[in-house]
């Protein structure tokens, strides 16, 4: 449920999540 670091719609998503962005 954590926030992804960045996202490109339509592109494959990886497992990288960002701690600071998850707080936001």
PDBML (XML) file of the C-alpha atoms, coordinates in Angstrom:
<?xml version="1.0" encoding="UTF-8" ?>
<PDBx:datablock datablockName="MODEL"
   xmlns:PDBx="http://pdbml.pdb.org/schema/pdbx-v50.xsd"
   xmlns:xsi="http://www.w3.org/2001/XMLSchema-instance"
   xsi:schemaLocation="http://pdbml.pdb.org/schema/pdbx-v50.xsd pdbx-v50.xsd">
   <PDBx:atom_siteCategory>
      <PDBx:atom_site id="1">
         <PDBx:B_iso_or_equiv>0.00</PDBx:B_iso_or_equiv>
         <PDBx:Cartn_x>0.000</PDBx:Cartn_x>
         <PDBx:Cartn_y>0.000</PDBx:Cartn_y>
         <PDBx:Cartn_z>0.000</PDBx:Cartn_z>
         <PDBx:auth_asym_id>A</PDBx:auth_asym_id>
         <PDBx:auth_atom_id>CA</PDBx:auth_atom_id>
         <PDBx:auth_comp_id>UNK</PDBx:auth_comp_id>
         <PDBx:auth_seq_id>1</PDBx:auth_seq_id>
         <PDBx:group_PDB>ATOM</PDBx:group_PDB>
         <PDBx:label_alt_id xsi:nil="true" />
         <PDBx:label_asym_id>A</PDBx:label_asym_id>
         <PDBx:label_atom_id>CA</PDBx:label_atom_id>
         <PDBx:label_comp_id>UNK</PDBx:label_comp_id>
         <PDBx:label_entity_id>1</PDBx:label_entity_id>
         <PDBx:label_seq_id>1</PDBx:label_seq_id>
         <PDBx:occupancy>1.00</PDBx:occupancy>
         <PDBx:pdbx_PDB_model_num>1</PDBx:pdbx_PDB_model_num>
         <PDBx:type_symbol>C</PDBx:type_symbol>
      </PDBx:atom_site>
      <PDBx:atom_site id="2">
         <PDBx:B_iso_or_equiv>0.00</PDBx:B_iso_or_equiv>
         <PDBx:Cartn_x>3.040</PDBx:Cartn_x>
         <PDBx:Cartn_y>2.309</PDBx:Cartn_y>
         <PDBx:Cartn_z>0.017</PDBx:Cartn_z>
         <PDBx:auth_asym_id>A</PDBx:auth_asym_id>
         <PDBx:auth_atom_id>CA</PDBx:auth_atom_id>
         <PDBx:auth_comp_id>UNK</PDBx:auth_comp_id>
         <PDBx:auth_seq_id>2</PDBx:auth_seq_id>
         <PDBx:group_PDB>ATOM</PDBx:group_PDB>
         <PDBx:label_alt_id xsi:nil="true" />
         <PDBx:label_asym_id>A</PDBx:label_asym_id>
         <PDBx:label_atom_id>CA</PDBx:label_atom_id>
         <PDBx:label_comp_id>UNK</PDBx:label_comp_id>
         <PDBx:label_entity_id>1</PDBx:label_entity_id>
         <PDBx:label_seq_id>2</PDBx:label_seq_id>
         <PDBx:occupancy>1.00</PDBx:occupancy>
         <PDBx:pdbx_PDB_model_num>1</PDBx:pdbx_PDB_model_num>
         <PDBx:type_symbol>C</PDBx:type_symbol>
      </PDBx:atom_site>
      <PDBx:atom_site id="3">
         <PDBx:B_iso_or_equiv>0.00</PDBx:B_iso_or_equiv>
         <PDBx:Cartn_x>3.443</PDBx:Cartn_x>
         <PDBx:Cartn_y>5.016</PDBx:Cartn_y>
         <PDBx:Cartn_z>-2.613</PDBx:Cartn_z>
         <PDBx:auth_asym_id>A</PDBx:auth_asym_id>
         <PDBx:auth_atom_id>CA</PDBx:auth_atom_id>
         <PDBx:auth_comp_id>UNK</PDBx:auth_comp_id>
         <PDBx:auth_seq_id>3</PDBx:auth_seq_id>
         <PDBx:group_PDB>ATOM</PDBx:group_PDB>
         <PDBx:label_alt_id xsi:nil="true" />
         <PDBx:label_asym_id>A</PDBx:label_asym_id>
         <PDBx:label_atom_id>CA</PDBx:label_atom_id>
         <PDBx:label_comp_id>UNK</PDBx:label_comp_id>
         <PDBx:label_entity_id>1</PDBx:label_entity_id>
         <PDBx:label_seq_id>3</PDBx:label_seq_id>
         <PDBx:occupancy>1.00</PDBx:occupancy>
         <PDBx:pdbx_PDB_model_num>1</PDBx:pdbx_PDB_model_num>
         <PDBx:type_symbol>C</PDBx:type_symbol>
      </PDBx:atom_site>
      <PDBx:atom_site id="4">
         <PDBx:B_iso_or_equiv>0.00</PDBx:B_iso_or_equiv>
         <PDBx:Cartn_x>5.440</PDBx:Cartn_x>
         <PDBx:Cartn_y>4.353</PDBx:Cartn_y>
         <PDBx:Cartn_z>-5.731</PDBx:Cartn_z>
         <PDBx:auth_asym_id>A</PDBx:auth_asym_id>
         <PDBx:auth_atom_id>CA</PDBx:auth_atom_id>
         <PDBx:auth_comp_id>UNK</PDBx:auth_comp_id>
         <PDBx:auth_seq_id>4</PDBx:auth_seq_id>
         <PDBx:group_PDB>ATOM</PDBx:group_PDB>
         <PDBx:label_alt_id xsi:nil="true" />
         <PDBx:label_asym_id>A</PDBx:label_asym_id>
         <PDBx:label_atom_id>CA</PDBx:label_atom_id>
         <PDBx:label_comp_id>UNK</PDBx:label_comp_id>
         <PDBx:label_entity_id>1</PDBx:label_entity_id>
         <PDBx:label_seq_id>4</PDBx:label_seq_id>
         <PDBx:occupancy>1.00</PDBx:occupancy>
         <PDBx:pdbx_PDB_model_num>1</PDBx:pdbx_PDB_model_num>
         <PDBx:type_symbol>C</PDBx:type_symbol>
      </PDBx:atom_site>
      <PDBx:atom_site id="5">
         <PDBx:B_iso_or_equiv>0.00</PDBx:B_iso_or_equiv>
         <PDBx:Cartn_x>8.381</PDBx:Cartn_x>
         <PDBx:Cartn_y>6.641</PDBx:Cartn_y>
         <PDBx:Cartn_z>-6.303</PDBx:Cartn_z>
         <PDBx:auth_asym_id>A</PDBx:auth_asym_id>
         <PDBx:auth_atom_id>CA</PDBx:auth_atom_id>
         <PDBx:auth_comp_id>UNK</PDBx:auth_comp_id>
         <PDBx:auth_seq_id>5</PDBx:auth_seq_id>
         <PDBx:group_PDB>ATOM</PDBx:group_PDB>
         <PDBx:label_alt_id xsi:nil="true" />
         <PDBx:label_asym_id>A</PDBx:label_asym_id>
         <PDBx:label_atom_id>CA</PDBx:label_atom_id>
         <PDBx:label_comp_id>UNK</PDBx:label_comp_id>
         <PDBx:label_entity_id>1</PDBx:label_entity_id>
         <PDBx:label_seq_id>5</PDBx:label_seq_id>
         <PDBx:occupancy>1.00</PDBx:occupancy>
         <PDBx:pdbx_PDB_model_num>1</PDBx:pdbx_PDB_model_num>
         <PDBx:type_symbol>C</PDBx:type_symbol>
      </PDBx:atom_site>
      <PDBx:atom_site id="6">
         <PDBx:B_iso_or_equiv>0.00</PDBx:B_iso_or_equiv>
         <PDBx:Cartn_x>7.080</PDBx:Cartn_x>
         <PDBx:Cartn_y>7.508</PDBx:Cartn_y>
         <PDBx:Cartn_z>-9.771</PDBx:Cartn_z>
         <PDBx:auth_asym_id>A</PDBx:auth_asym_id>
         <PDBx:auth_atom_id>CA</PDBx:auth_atom_id>
         <PDBx:auth_comp_id>UNK</PDBx:auth_comp_id>
         <PDBx:auth_seq_id>6</PDBx:auth_seq_id>
         <PDBx:group_PDB>ATOM</PDBx:group_PDB>
         <PDBx:label_alt_id xsi:nil="true" />
         <PDBx:label_asym_id>A</PDBx:label_asym_id>
         <PDBx:label_atom_id>CA</PDBx:label_atom_id>
         <PDBx:label_comp_id>UNK</PDBx:label_comp_id>
         <PDBx:label_entity_id>1</PDBx:label_entity_id>
         <PDBx:label_seq_id>6</PDBx:label_seq_id>
         <PDBx:occupancy>1.00</PDBx:occupancy>
         <PDBx:pdbx_PDB_model_num>1</PDBx:pdbx_PDB_model_num>
         <PDBx:type_symbol>C</PDBx:type_symbol>
      </PDBx:atom_site>
      <PDBx:atom_site id="7">
         <PDBx:B_iso_or_equiv>0.00</PDBx:B_iso_or_equiv>
         <PDBx:Cartn_x>4.598</PDBx:Cartn_x>
         <PDBx:Cartn_y>6.184</PDBx:Cartn_y>
         <PDBx:Cartn_z>-12.271</PDBx:Cartn_z>
         <PDBx:auth_asym_id>A</PDBx:auth_asym_id>
         <PDBx:auth_atom_id>CA</PDBx:auth_atom_id>
         <PDBx:auth_comp_id>UNK</PDBx:auth_comp_id>
         <PDBx:auth_seq_id>7</PDBx:auth_seq_id>
         <PDBx:group_PDB>ATOM</PDBx:group_PDB>
         <PDBx:label_alt_id xsi:nil="true" />
         <PDBx:label_asym_id>A</PDBx:label_asym_id>
         <PDBx:label_atom_id>CA</PDBx:label_atom_id>
         <PDBx:label_comp_id>UNK</PDBx:label_comp_id>
         <PDBx:label_entity_id>1</PDBx:label_entity_id>
         <PDBx:label_seq_id>7</PDBx:label_seq_id>
         <PDBx:occupancy>1.00</PDBx:occupancy>
         <PDBx:pdbx_PDB_model_num>1</PDBx:pdbx_PDB_model_num>
         <PDBx:type_symbol>C</PDBx:type_symbol>
      </PDBx:atom_site>
      <PDBx:atom_site id="8">
         <PDBx:B_iso_or_equiv>0.00</PDBx:B_iso_or_equiv>
         <PDBx:Cartn_x>4.230</PDBx:Cartn_x>
         <PDBx:Cartn_y>6.188</PDBx:Cartn_y>
         <PDBx:Cartn_z>-16.042</PDBx:Cartn_z>
         <PDBx:auth_asym_id>A</PDBx:auth_asym_id>
         <PDBx:auth_atom_id>CA</PDBx:auth_atom_id>
         <PDBx:auth_comp_id>UNK</PDBx:auth_comp_id>
         <PDBx:auth_seq_id>8</PDBx:auth_seq_id>
         <PDBx:group_PDB>ATOM</PDBx:group_PDB>
         <PDBx:label_alt_id xsi:nil="true" />
         <PDBx:label_asym_id>A</PDBx:label_asym_id>
         <PDBx:label_atom_id>CA</PDBx:label_atom_id>
         <PDBx:label_comp_id>UNK</PDBx:label_comp_id>
         <PDBx:label_entity_id>1</PDBx:label_entity_id>
         <PDBx:label_seq_id>8</PDBx:label_seq_id>
         <PDBx:occupancy>1.00</PDBx:occupancy>
         <PDBx:pdbx_PDB_model_num>1</PDBx:pdbx_PDB_model_num>
         <PDBx:type_symbol>C</PDBx:type_symbol>
      </PDBx:atom_site>
      <PDBx:atom_site id="9">
         <PDBx:B_iso_or_equiv>0.00</PDBx:B_iso_or_equiv>
         <PDBx:Cartn_x>0.721</PDBx:Cartn_x>
         <PDBx:Cartn_y>5.140</PDBx:Cartn_y>
         <PDBx:Cartn_z>-17.020</PDBx:Cartn_z>
         <PDBx:auth_asym_id>A</PDBx:auth_asym_id>
         <PDBx:auth_atom_id>CA</PDBx:auth_atom_id>
         <PDBx:auth_comp_id>UNK</PDBx:auth_comp_id>
         <PDBx:auth_seq_id>9</PDBx:auth_seq_id>
         <PDBx:group_PDB>ATOM</PDBx:group_PDB>
         <PDBx:label_alt_id xsi:nil="true" />
         <PDBx:label_asym_id>A</PDBx:label_asym_id>
         <PDBx:label_atom_id>CA</PDBx:label_atom_id>
         <PDBx:label_comp_id>UNK</PDBx:label_comp_id>
         <PDBx:label_entity_id>1</PDBx:label_entity_id>
         <PDBx:label_seq_id>9</PDBx:label_seq_id>
         <PDBx:occupancy>1.00</PDBx:occupancy>
         <PDBx:pdbx_PDB_model_num>1</PDBx:pdbx_PDB_model_num>
         <PDBx:type_symbol>C</PDBx:type_symbol>
      </PDBx:atom_site>
      <PDBx:atom_site id="10">
         <PDBx:B_iso_or_equiv>0.00</PDBx:B_iso_or_equiv>
         <PDBx:Cartn_x>0.849</PDBx:Cartn_x>
         <PDBx:Cartn_y>2.178</PDBx:Cartn_y>
         <PDBx:Cartn_z>-19.390</PDBx:Cartn_z>
         <PDBx:auth_asym_id>A</PDBx:auth_asym_id>
         <PDBx:auth_atom_id>CA</PDBx:auth_atom_id>
         <PDBx:auth_comp_id>UNK</PDBx:auth_comp_id>
         <PDBx:auth_seq_id>10</PDBx:auth_seq_id>
         <PDBx:group_PDB>ATOM</PDBx:group_PDB>
         <PDBx:label_alt_id xsi:nil="true" />
         <PDBx:label_asym_id>A</PDBx:label_asym_id>
         <PDBx:label_atom_id>CA</PDBx:label_atom_id>
         <PDBx:label_comp_id>UNK</PDBx:label_comp_id>
         <PDBx:label_entity_id>1</PDBx:label_entity_id>
         <PDBx:label_seq_id>10</PDBx:label_seq_id>
         <PDBx:occupancy>1.00</PDBx:occupancy>
         <PDBx:pdbx_PDB_model_num>1</PDBx:pdbx_PDB_model_num>
         <PDBx:type_symbol>C</PDBx:type_symbol>
      </PDBx:atom_site>
      <PDBx:atom_site id="11">
         <PDBx:B_iso_or_equiv>0.00</PDBx:B_iso_or_equiv>
         <PDBx:Cartn_x>4.431</PDBx:Cartn_x>
         <PDBx:Cartn_y>1.246</PDBx:Cartn_y>
         <PDBx:Cartn_z>-18.537</PDBx:Cartn_z>
         <PDBx:auth_asym_id>A</PDBx:auth_asym_id>
         <PDBx:auth_atom_id>CA</PDBx:auth_atom_id>
         <PDBx:auth_comp_id>UNK</PDBx:auth_comp_id>
         <PDBx:auth_seq_id>11</PDBx:auth_seq_id>
         <PDBx:group_PDB>ATOM</PDBx:group_PDB>
         <PDBx:label_alt_id xsi:nil="true" />
         <PDBx:label_asym_id>A</PDBx:label_asym_id>
         <PDBx:label_atom_id>CA</PDBx:label_atom_id>
         <PDBx:label_comp_id>UNK</PDBx:label_comp_id>
         <PDBx:label_entity_id>1</PDBx:label_entity_id>
         <PDBx:label_seq_id>11</PDBx:label_seq_id>
         <PDBx:occupancy>1.00</PDBx:occupancy>
         <PDBx:pdbx_PDB_model_num>1</PDBx:pdbx_PDB_model_num>
         <PDBx:type_symbol>C</PDBx:type_symbol>
      </PDBx:atom_site>
      <PDBx:atom_site id="12">
         <PDBx:B_iso_or_equiv>0.00</PDBx:B_iso_or_equiv>
         <PDBx:Cartn_x>5.262</PDBx:Cartn_x>
         <PDBx:Cartn_y>-1.794</PDBx:Cartn_y>
         <PDBx:Cartn_z>-16.370</PDBx:Cartn_z>
         <PDBx:auth_asym_id>A</PDBx:auth_asym_id>
         <PDBx:auth_atom_id>CA</PDBx:auth_atom_id>
         <PDBx:auth_comp_id>UNK</PDBx:auth_comp_id>
         <PDBx:auth_seq_id>12</PDBx:auth_seq_id>
         <PDBx:group_PDB>ATOM</PDBx:group_PDB>
         <PDBx:label_alt_id xsi:nil="true" />
         <PDBx:label_asym_id>A</PDBx:label_asym_id>
         <PDBx:label_atom_id>CA</PDBx:label_atom_id>
         <PDBx:label_comp_id>UNK</PDBx:label_comp_id>
         <PDBx:label_entity_id>1</PDBx:label_entity_id>
         <PDBx:label_seq_id>12</PDBx:label_seq_id>
         <PDBx:occupancy>1.00</PDBx:occupancy>
         <PDBx:pdbx_PDB_model_num>1</PDBx:pdbx_PDB_model_num>
         <PDBx:type_symbol>C</PDBx:type_symbol>
      </PDBx:atom_site>
      <PDBx:atom_site id="13">
         <PDBx:B_iso_or_equiv>0.00</PDBx:B_iso_or_equiv>
         <PDBx:Cartn_x>5.368</PDBx:Cartn_x>
         <PDBx:Cartn_y>-0.881</PDBx:Cartn_y>
         <PDBx:Cartn_z>-12.677</PDBx:Cartn_z>
         <PDBx:auth_asym_id>A</PDBx:auth_asym_id>
         <PDBx:auth_atom_id>CA</PDBx:auth_atom_id>
         <PDBx:auth_comp_id>UNK</PDBx:auth_comp_id>
         <PDBx:auth_seq_id>13</PDBx:auth_seq_id>
         <PDBx:group_PDB>ATOM</PDBx:group_PDB>
         <PDBx:label_alt_id xsi:nil="true" />
         <PDBx:label_asym_id>A</PDBx:label_asym_id>
         <PDBx:label_atom_id>CA</PDBx:label_atom_id>
         <PDBx:label_comp_id>UNK</PDBx:label_comp_id>
         <PDBx:label_entity_id>1</PDBx:label_entity_id>
         <PDBx:label_seq_id>13</PDBx:label_seq_id>
         <PDBx:occupancy>1.00</PDBx:occupancy>
         <PDBx:pdbx_PDB_model_num>1</PDBx:pdbx_PDB_model_num>
         <PDBx:type_symbol>C</PDBx:type_symbol>
      </PDBx:atom_site>
      <PDBx:atom_site id="14">
         <PDBx:B_iso_or_equiv>0.00</PDBx:B_iso_or_equiv>
         <PDBx:Cartn_x>8.230</PDBx:Cartn_x>
         <PDBx:Cartn_y>-2.071</PDBx:Cartn_y>
         <PDBx:Cartn_z>-10.504</PDBx:Cartn_z>
         <PDBx:auth_asym_id>A</PDBx:auth_asym_id>
         <PDBx:auth_atom_id>CA</PDBx:auth_atom_id>
         <PDBx:auth_comp_id>UNK</PDBx:auth_comp_id>
         <PDBx:auth_seq_id>14</PDBx:auth_seq_id>
         <PDBx:group_PDB>ATOM</PDBx:group_PDB>
         <PDBx:label_alt_id xsi:nil="true" />
         <PDBx:label_asym_id>A</PDBx:label_asym_id>
         <PDBx:label_atom_id>CA</PDBx:label_atom_id>
         <PDBx:label_comp_id>UNK</PDBx:label_comp_id>
         <PDBx:label_entity_id>1</PDBx:label_entity_id>
         <PDBx:label_seq_id>14</PDBx:label_seq_id>
         <PDBx:occupancy>1.00</PDBx:occupancy>
         <PDBx:pdbx_PDB_model_num>1</PDBx:pdbx_PDB_model_num>
         <PDBx:type_symbol>C</PDBx:type_symbol>
      </PDBx:atom_site>
      <PDBx:atom_site id="15">
         <PDBx:B_iso_or_equiv>0.00</PDBx:B_iso_or_equiv>
         <PDBx:Cartn_x>8.319</PDBx:Cartn_x>
         <PDBx:Cartn_y>-2.755</PDBx:Cartn_y>
         <PDBx:Cartn_z>-6.764</PDBx:Cartn_z>
         <PDBx:auth_asym_id>A</PDBx:auth_asym_id>
         <PDBx:auth_atom_id>CA</PDBx:auth_atom_id>
         <PDBx:auth_comp_id>UNK</PDBx:auth_comp_id>
         <PDBx:auth_seq_id>15</PDBx:auth_seq_id>
         <PDBx:group_PDB>ATOM</PDBx:group_PDB>
         <PDBx:label_alt_id xsi:nil="true" />
         <PDBx:label_asym_id>A</PDBx:label_asym_id>
         <PDBx:label_atom_id>CA</PDBx:label_atom_id>
         <PDBx:label_comp_id>UNK</PDBx:label_comp_id>
         <PDBx:label_entity_id>1</PDBx:label_entity_id>
         <PDBx:label_seq_id>15</PDBx:label_seq_id>
         <PDBx:occupancy>1.00</PDBx:occupancy>
         <PDBx:pdbx_PDB_model_num>1</PDBx:pdbx_PDB_model_num>
         <PDBx:type_symbol>C</PDBx:type_symbol>
      </PDBx:atom_site>
      <PDBx:atom_site id="16">
         <PDBx:B_iso_or_equiv>0.00</PDBx:B_iso_or_equiv>
         <PDBx:Cartn_x>10.141</PDBx:Cartn_x>
         <PDBx:Cartn_y>0.441</PDBx:Cartn_y>
         <PDBx:Cartn_z>-5.780</PDBx:Cartn_z>
         <PDBx:auth_asym_id>A</PDBx:auth_asym_id>
         <PDBx:auth_atom_id>CA</PDBx:auth_atom_id>
         <PDBx:auth_comp_id>UNK</PDBx:auth_comp_id>
         <PDBx:auth_seq_id>16</PDBx:auth_seq_id>
         <PDBx:group_PDB>ATOM</PDBx:group_PDB>
         <PDBx:label_alt_id xsi:nil="true" />
         <PDBx:label_asym_id>A</PDBx:label_asym_id>
         <PDBx:label_atom_id>CA</PDBx:label_atom_id>
         <PDBx:label_comp_id>UNK</PDBx:label_comp_id>
         <PDBx:label_entity_id>1</PDBx:label_entity_id>
         <PDBx:label_seq_id>16</PDBx:label_seq_id>
         <PDBx:occupancy>1.00</PDBx:occupancy>
         <PDBx:pdbx_PDB_model_num>1</PDBx:pdbx_PDB_model_num>
         <PDBx:type_symbol>C</PDBx:type_symbol>
      </PDBx:atom_site>
      <PDBx:atom_site id="17">
         <PDBx:B_iso_or_equiv>0.00</PDBx:B_iso_or_equiv>
         <PDBx:Cartn_x>8.251</PDBx:Cartn_x>
         <PDBx:Cartn_y>2.516</PDBx:Cartn_y>
         <PDBx:Cartn_z>-3.212</PDBx:Cartn_z>
         <PDBx:auth_asym_id>A</PDBx:auth_asym_id>
         <PDBx:auth_atom_id>CA</PDBx:auth_atom_id>
         <PDBx:auth_comp_id>UNK</PDBx:auth_comp_id>
         <PDBx:auth_seq_id>17</PDBx:auth_seq_id>
         <PDBx:group_PDB>ATOM</PDBx:group_PDB>
         <PDBx:label_alt_id xsi:nil="true" />
         <PDBx:label_asym_id>A</PDBx:label_asym_id>
         <PDBx:label_atom_id>CA</PDBx:label_atom_id>
         <PDBx:label_comp_id>UNK</PDBx:label_comp_id>
         <PDBx:label_entity_id>1</PDBx:label_entity_id>
         <PDBx:label_seq_id>17</PDBx:label_seq_id>
         <PDBx:occupancy>1.00</PDBx:occupancy>
         <PDBx:pdbx_PDB_model_num>1</PDBx:pdbx_PDB_model_num>
         <PDBx:type_symbol>C</PDBx:type_symbol>
      </PDBx:atom_site>
      <PDBx:atom_site id="18">
         <PDBx:B_iso_or_equiv>0.00</PDBx:B_iso_or_equiv>
         <PDBx:Cartn_x>9.248</PDBx:Cartn_x>
         <PDBx:Cartn_y>5.832</PDBx:Cartn_y>
         <PDBx:Cartn_z>-1.668</PDBx:Cartn_z>
         <PDBx:auth_asym_id>A</PDBx:auth_asym_id>
         <PDBx:auth_atom_id>CA</PDBx:auth_atom_id>
         <PDBx:auth_comp_id>UNK</PDBx:auth_comp_id>
         <PDBx:auth_seq_id>18</PDBx:auth_seq_id>
         <PDBx:group_PDB>ATOM</PDBx:group_PDB>
         <PDBx:label_alt_id xsi:nil="true" />
         <PDBx:label_asym_id>A</PDBx:label_asym_id>
         <PDBx:label_atom_id>CA</PDBx:label_atom_id>
         <PDBx:label_comp_id>UNK</PDBx:label_comp_id>
         <PDBx:label_entity_id>1</PDBx:label_entity_id>
         <PDBx:label_seq_id>18</PDBx:label_seq_id>
         <PDBx:occupancy>1.00</PDBx:occupancy>
         <PDBx:pdbx_PDB_model_num>1</PDBx:pdbx_PDB_model_num>
         <PDBx:type_symbol>C</PDBx:type_symbol>
      </PDBx:atom_site>
      <PDBx:atom_site id="19">
         <PDBx:B_iso_or_equiv>0.00</PDBx:B_iso_or_equiv>
         <PDBx:Cartn_x>9.154</PDBx:Cartn_x>
         <PDBx:Cartn_y>6.352</PDBx:Cartn_y>
         <PDBx:Cartn_z>2.095</PDBx:Cartn_z>
         <PDBx:auth_asym_id>A</PDBx:auth_asym_id>
         <PDBx:auth_atom_id>CA</PDBx:auth_atom_id>
         <PDBx:auth_comp_id>UNK</PDBx:auth_comp_id>
         <PDBx:auth_seq_id>19</PDBx:auth_seq_id>
         <PDBx:group_PDB>ATOM</PDBx:group_PDB>
         <PDBx:label_alt_id xsi:nil="true" />
         <PDBx:label_asym_id>A</PDBx:label_asym_id>
         <PDBx:label_atom_id>CA</PDBx:label_atom_id>
         <PDBx:label_comp_id>UNK</PDBx:label_comp_id>
         <PDBx:label_entity_id>1</PDBx:label_entity_id>
         <PDBx:label_seq_id>19</PDBx:label_seq_id>
         <PDBx:occupancy>1.00</PDBx:occupancy>
         <PDBx:pdbx_PDB_model_num>1</PDBx:pdbx_PDB_model_num>
         <PDBx:type_symbol>C</PDBx:type_symbol>
      </PDBx:atom_site>
      <PDBx:atom_site id="20">
         <PDBx:B_iso_or_equiv>0.00</PDBx:B_iso_or_equiv>
         <PDBx:Cartn_x>8.694</PDBx:Cartn_x>
         <PDBx:Cartn_y>10.145</PDBx:Cartn_y>
         <PDBx:Cartn_z>2.132</PDBx:Cartn_z>
         <PDBx:auth_asym_id>A</PDBx:auth_asym_id>
         <PDBx:auth_atom_id>CA</PDBx:auth_atom_id>
         <PDBx:auth_comp_id>UNK</PDBx:auth_comp_id>
         <PDBx:auth_seq_id>20</PDBx:auth_seq_id>
         <PDBx:group_PDB>ATOM</PDBx:group_PDB>
         <PDBx:label_alt_id xsi:nil="true" />
         <PDBx:label_asym_id>A</PDBx:label_asym_id>
         <PDBx:label_atom_id>CA</PDBx:label_atom_id>
         <PDBx:label_comp_id>UNK</PDBx:label_comp_id>
         <PDBx:label_entity_id>1</PDBx:label_entity_id>
         <PDBx:label_seq_id>20</PDBx:label_seq_id>
         <PDBx:occupancy>1.00</PDBx:occupancy>
         <PDBx:pdbx_PDB_model_num>1</PDBx:pdbx_PDB_model_num>
         <PDBx:type_symbol>C</PDBx:type_symbol>
      </PDBx:atom_site>
      <PDBx:atom_site id="21">
         <PDBx:B_iso_or_equiv>0.00</PDBx:B_iso_or_equiv>
         <PDBx:Cartn_x>6.033</PDBx:Cartn_x>
         <PDBx:Cartn_y>10.090</PDBx:Cartn_y>
         <PDBx:Cartn_z>-0.583</PDBx:Cartn_z>
         <PDBx:auth_asym_id>A</PDBx:auth_asym_id>
         <PDBx:auth_atom_id>CA</PDBx:auth_atom_id>
         <PDBx:auth_comp_id>UNK</PDBx:auth_comp_id>
         <PDBx:auth_seq_id>21</PDBx:auth_seq_id>
         <PDBx:group_PDB>ATOM</PDBx:group_PDB>
         <PDBx:label_alt_id xsi:nil="true" />
         <PDBx:label_asym_id>A</PDBx:label_asym_id>
         <PDBx:label_atom_id>CA</PDBx:label_atom_id>
         <PDBx:label_comp_id>UNK</PDBx:label_comp_id>
         <PDBx:label_entity_id>1</PDBx:label_entity_id>
         <PDBx:label_seq_id>21</PDBx:label_seq_id>
         <PDBx:occupancy>1.00</PDBx:occupancy>
         <PDBx:pdbx_PDB_model_num>1</PDBx:pdbx_PDB_model_num>
         <PDBx:type_symbol>C</PDBx:type_symbol>
      </PDBx:atom_site>
      <PDBx:atom_site id="22">
         <PDBx:B_iso_or_equiv>0.00</PDBx:B_iso_or_equiv>
         <PDBx:Cartn_x>4.204</PDBx:Cartn_x>
         <PDBx:Cartn_y>7.395</PDBx:Cartn_y>
         <PDBx:Cartn_z>1.390</PDBx:Cartn_z>
         <PDBx:auth_asym_id>A</PDBx:auth_asym_id>
         <PDBx:auth_atom_id>CA</PDBx:auth_atom_id>
         <PDBx:auth_comp_id>UNK</PDBx:auth_comp_id>
         <PDBx:auth_seq_id>22</PDBx:auth_seq_id>
         <PDBx:group_PDB>ATOM</PDBx:group_PDB>
         <PDBx:label_alt_id xsi:nil="true" />
         <PDBx:label_asym_id>A</PDBx:label_asym_id>
         <PDBx:label_atom_id>CA</PDBx:label_atom_id>
         <PDBx:label_comp_id>UNK</PDBx:label_comp_id>
         <PDBx:label_entity_id>1</PDBx:label_entity_id>
         <PDBx:label_seq_id>22</PDBx:label_seq_id>
         <PDBx:occupancy>1.00</PDBx:occupancy>
         <PDBx:pdbx_PDB_model_num>1</PDBx:pdbx_PDB_model_num>
         <PDBx:type_symbol>C</PDBx:type_symbol>
      </PDBx:atom_site>
      <PDBx:atom_site id="23">
         <PDBx:B_iso_or_equiv>0.00</PDBx:B_iso_or_equiv>
         <PDBx:Cartn_x>3.837</PDBx:Cartn_x>
         <PDBx:Cartn_y>9.774</PDBx:Cartn_y>
         <PDBx:Cartn_z>4.317</PDBx:Cartn_z>
         <PDBx:auth_asym_id>A</PDBx:auth_asym_id>
         <PDBx:auth_atom_id>CA</PDBx:auth_atom_id>
         <PDBx:auth_comp_id>UNK</PDBx:auth_comp_id>
         <PDBx:auth_seq_id>23</PDBx:auth_seq_id>
         <PDBx:group_PDB>ATOM</PDBx:group_PDB>
         <PDBx:label_alt_id xsi:nil="true" />
         <PDBx:label_asym_id>A</PDBx:label_asym_id>
         <PDBx:label_atom_id>CA</PDBx:label_atom_id>
         <PDBx:label_comp_id>UNK</PDBx:label_comp_id>
         <PDBx:label_entity_id>1</PDBx:label_entity_id>
         <PDBx:label_seq_id>23</PDBx:label_seq_id>
         <PDBx:occupancy>1.00</PDBx:occupancy>
         <PDBx:pdbx_PDB_model_num>1</PDBx:pdbx_PDB_model_num>
         <PDBx:type_symbol>C</PDBx:type_symbol>
      </PDBx:atom_site>
      <PDBx:atom_site id="24">
         <PDBx:B_iso_or_equiv>0.00</PDBx:B_iso_or_equiv>
         <PDBx:Cartn_x>2.402</PDBx:Cartn_x>
         <PDBx:Cartn_y>12.385</PDBx:Cartn_y>
         <PDBx:Cartn_z>1.967</PDBx:Cartn_z>
         <PDBx:auth_asym_id>A</PDBx:auth_asym_id>
         <PDBx:auth_atom_id>CA</PDBx:auth_atom_id>
         <PDBx:auth_comp_id>UNK</PDBx:auth_comp_id>
         <PDBx:auth_seq_id>24</PDBx:auth_seq_id>
         <PDBx:group_PDB>ATOM</PDBx:group_PDB>
         <PDBx:label_alt_id xsi:nil="true" />
         <PDBx:label_asym_id>A</PDBx:label_asym_id>
         <PDBx:label_atom_id>CA</PDBx:label_atom_id>
         <PDBx:label_comp_id>UNK</PDBx:label_comp_id>
         <PDBx:label_entity_id>1</PDBx:label_entity_id>
         <PDBx:label_seq_id>24</PDBx:label_seq_id>
         <PDBx:occupancy>1.00</PDBx:occupancy>
         <PDBx:pdbx_PDB_model_num>1</PDBx:pdbx_PDB_model_num>
         <PDBx:type_symbol>C</PDBx:type_symbol>
      </PDBx:atom_site>
   </PDBx:atom_siteCategory>
</PDBx:datablock>
